[in-house]
Amino acid sequence: MSQPKRVAFQKFLNAMRKLSTEVNDSEICKRLEILMATSKDDLPLAHVNQLLQEPKEFDPKTIPEPYTQYVRHFIYMVKRNGRIPNDILSSVDESGSEATNTRSGKKSKQQQVATVGAKPKKASGKSNPSVKKTKTTVTKSKK
């Protein structure tokens, strides 16, 4: 017997993996995946979409109890990183009314504009401006 598709859970797990930058984050994602494998239920899709769109305003208590701690960690990762990656936000947009057009193979106008307007970032040869050099001062001691 195959596992049922858990769309909301998978979407949440993928978003967490994309925000993962530390070893601790990866371990939490692994635990969440194990919990998903042992659980029979899916997360409410409306709540997951709301979490991915507005994580800083989301109340973790709206998600059922074994998953609340993972929602809190997701919110922490968003705050730590300062933003949500665009690919996470685009997957939330597609799950709404645009999903029917996407499944049929047609792109909506919004998706076409997003694809046309996207420009790849170029790597620059400049050094990282956030790294500051410290000055060393030598003081003469009196004898």
Protein backbone atom coordinates (compact mmCIF):
# COMPACT_ATOMS: atom_id res chain seq x y z
CA MET A 1 0.00 0.00 0.00
CA SER A 2 1.44 3.37 -1.02
CA GLN A 3 1.62 6.48 1.11
CA PRO A 4 -1.15 9.03 0.51
CA LYS A 5 -0.07 12.34 -1.01
CA ARG A 6 0.20 14.99 1.63
CA VAL A 7 0.38 18.17 -0.41
CA ALA A 8 0.34 20.67 2.45
CA PHE A 9 2.85 18.75 4.50
CA GLN A 10 5.23 18.36 1.57
CA LYS A 11 4.93 22.06 0.73
CA PHE A 12 5.79 22.99 4.32
CA LEU A 13 8.73 20.58 4.43
CA ASN A 14 10.11 21.88 1.12
CA ALA A 15 9.87 25.47 2.36
CA MET A 16 11.75 24.53 5.53
CA ARG A 17 14.48 22.83 3.52
CA LYS A 18 14.92 25.89 1.30
CA LEU A 19 15.39 28.10 4.36
CA SER A 20 17.74 25.63 6.03
CA THR A 21 21.23 27.07 6.47
CA GLU A 22 22.52 25.37 9.61
CA VAL A 23 23.02 21.76 10.66
CA ASN A 24 20.36 22.23 13.30
CA ASP A 25 17.85 23.19 10.60
CA SER A 26 18.63 20.05 8.62
CA GLU A 27 18.12 17.87 11.67
CA ILE A 28 14.76 19.49 12.38
CA CYS A 29 13.71 18.87 8.77
CA LYS A 30 14.69 15.21 9.12
CA ARG A 31 12.60 14.87 12.29
CA LEU A 32 9.67 16.53 10.57
CA GLU A 33 9.96 14.11 7.67
CA ILE A 34 9.97 11.14 10.08
CA LEU A 35 6.91 12.55 11.78
CA MET A 36 5.21 12.88 8.41
CA ALA A 37 5.97 9.26 7.57
CA THR A 38 4.37 8.03 10.79
CA SER A 39 1.36 10.37 10.65
CA LYS A 40 -1.84 9.50 8.81
CA ASP A 41 -3.17 13.04 8.49
CA ASP A 42 -2.11 15.99 6.37
CA LEU A 43 -1.75 19.55 7.59
CA PRO A 44 -4.57 21.96 6.67
CA LEU A 45 -3.59 23.39 3.28
CA ALA A 46 -5.15 26.80 3.99
CA HIS A 47 -3.07 27.16 7.16
CA VAL A 48 0.15 26.12 5.41
CA ASN A 49 -0.48 28.62 2.59
CA GLN A 50 -1.14 31.35 5.14
CA LEU A 51 2.06 30.41 6.99
CA LEU A 52 4.13 30.58 3.82
CA GLN A 53 2.63 33.92 2.73
CA GLU A 54 2.74 35.72 6.08
CA PRO A 55 5.01 33.79 8.45
CA LYS A 56 5.70 36.67 10.84
CA GLU A 57 1.99 37.24 11.49
CA PHE A 58 1.07 33.53 11.65
CA ASP A 59 -0.09 32.02 14.95
CA PRO A 60 1.63 28.62 15.40
CA LYS A 61 -1.22 27.39 17.61
CA THR A 62 -3.49 27.09 14.55
CA ILE A 63 -1.48 24.05 13.43
CA PRO A 64 -2.15 20.76 15.30
CA GLU A 65 0.12 20.07 18.29
CA PRO A 66 2.86 17.72 17.13
CA TYR A 67 3.72 20.21 14.34
CA THR A 68 3.59 23.44 16.36
CA GLN A 69 7.29 23.35 17.26
CA TYR A 70 8.22 22.97 13.58
CA VAL A 71 6.05 25.94 12.64
CA ARG A 72 7.80 28.00 15.33
CA HIS A 73 11.19 26.99 13.97
CA PHE A 74 10.09 27.88 10.43
CA ILE A 75 9.06 31.36 11.62
CA TYR A 76 12.43 31.66 13.37
CA MET A 77 14.26 30.72 10.15
CA VAL A 78 12.30 33.33 8.17
CA LYS A 79 13.15 36.02 10.73
CA ARG A 80 16.79 34.92 10.83
CA ASN A 81 17.14 34.97 7.05
CA GLY A 82 15.24 38.25 6.81
CA ARG A 83 12.92 37.15 4.00
CA ILE A 84 11.23 34.24 2.27
CA PRO A 85 12.79 33.02 -1.00
CA ASN A 86 10.73 33.86 -4.09
CA ASP A 87 10.42 30.22 -5.15
CA ILE A 88 8.55 29.45 -1.92
CA LEU A 89 6.16 32.33 -2.50
CA SER A 90 5.57 31.31 -6.11
CA SER A 91 4.61 27.78 -5.04
CA VAL A 92 2.00 29.28 -2.70
CA ASP A 93 0.57 31.42 -5.51
CA GLU A 94 0.30 28.40 -7.80
CA SER A 95 -1.73 26.42 -5.26
CA GLY A 96 -4.54 28.98 -5.35
CA SER A 97 -6.72 29.78 -8.33
CA GLU A 98 -3.74 29.60 -10.67
CA ALA A 99 -3.30 25.88 -9.97
CA THR A 100 -5.96 24.84 -12.50
CA ASN A 101 -4.19 26.72 -15.30
CA THR A 102 -0.81 25.33 -14.27
CA ARG A 103 -2.01 21.73 -14.26
CA SER A 104 -3.41 22.04 -17.79
CA GLY A 105 -0.02 23.20 -19.05
CA LYS A 106 -1.01 26.84 -19.64
CA LYS A 107 0.83 29.65 -17.93
CA SER A 108 -1.12 32.51 -16.45
CA LYS A 109 -0.22 36.10 -17.33
CA GLN A 110 1.23 36.60 -13.87
CA GLN A 111 3.53 33.59 -14.30
CA GLN A 112 4.58 34.72 -17.79
CA VAL A 113 5.49 38.18 -16.53
CA ALA A 114 7.43 36.68 -13.62
CA THR A 115 9.35 34.43 -16.01
CA VAL A 116 10.13 37.24 -18.48
CA GLY A 117 11.10 39.74 -15.76
CA ALA A 118 13.46 37.35 -13.96
CA LYS A 119 17.12 38.14 -14.48
CA PRO A 120 19.93 35.91 -13.28
CA LYS A 121 22.33 37.46 -10.80
CA LYS A 122 25.85 37.99 -12.02
CA ALA A 123 28.80 37.19 -9.84
CA SER A 124 30.95 40.23 -9.26
CA GLY A 125 34.65 40.30 -8.65
CA LYS A 126 34.22 42.75 -5.77
CA SER A 127 35.02 41.74 -2.23
CA ASN A 128 32.27 41.42 0.33
CA PRO A 129 31.46 45.00 1.51
CA SER A 130 30.06 43.75 4.82
CA VAL A 131 33.52 42.59 5.97
CA LYS A 132 35.25 45.43 7.73
CA LYS A 133 38.99 45.69 8.15
CA THR A 134 40.19 46.60 11.59
CA LYS A 135 43.03 49.01 12.21
CA THR A 136 45.82 48.06 14.53
CA THR A 137 47.41 50.75 16.60
CA VAL A 138 50.75 50.58 18.29
CA THR A 139 51.20 52.51 21.49
CA LYS A 140 54.59 53.41 22.85
CA SER A 141 55.20 52.60 26.44
CA LYS A 142 57.15 54.93 28.70
CA LYS A 143 60.17 53.52 30.50
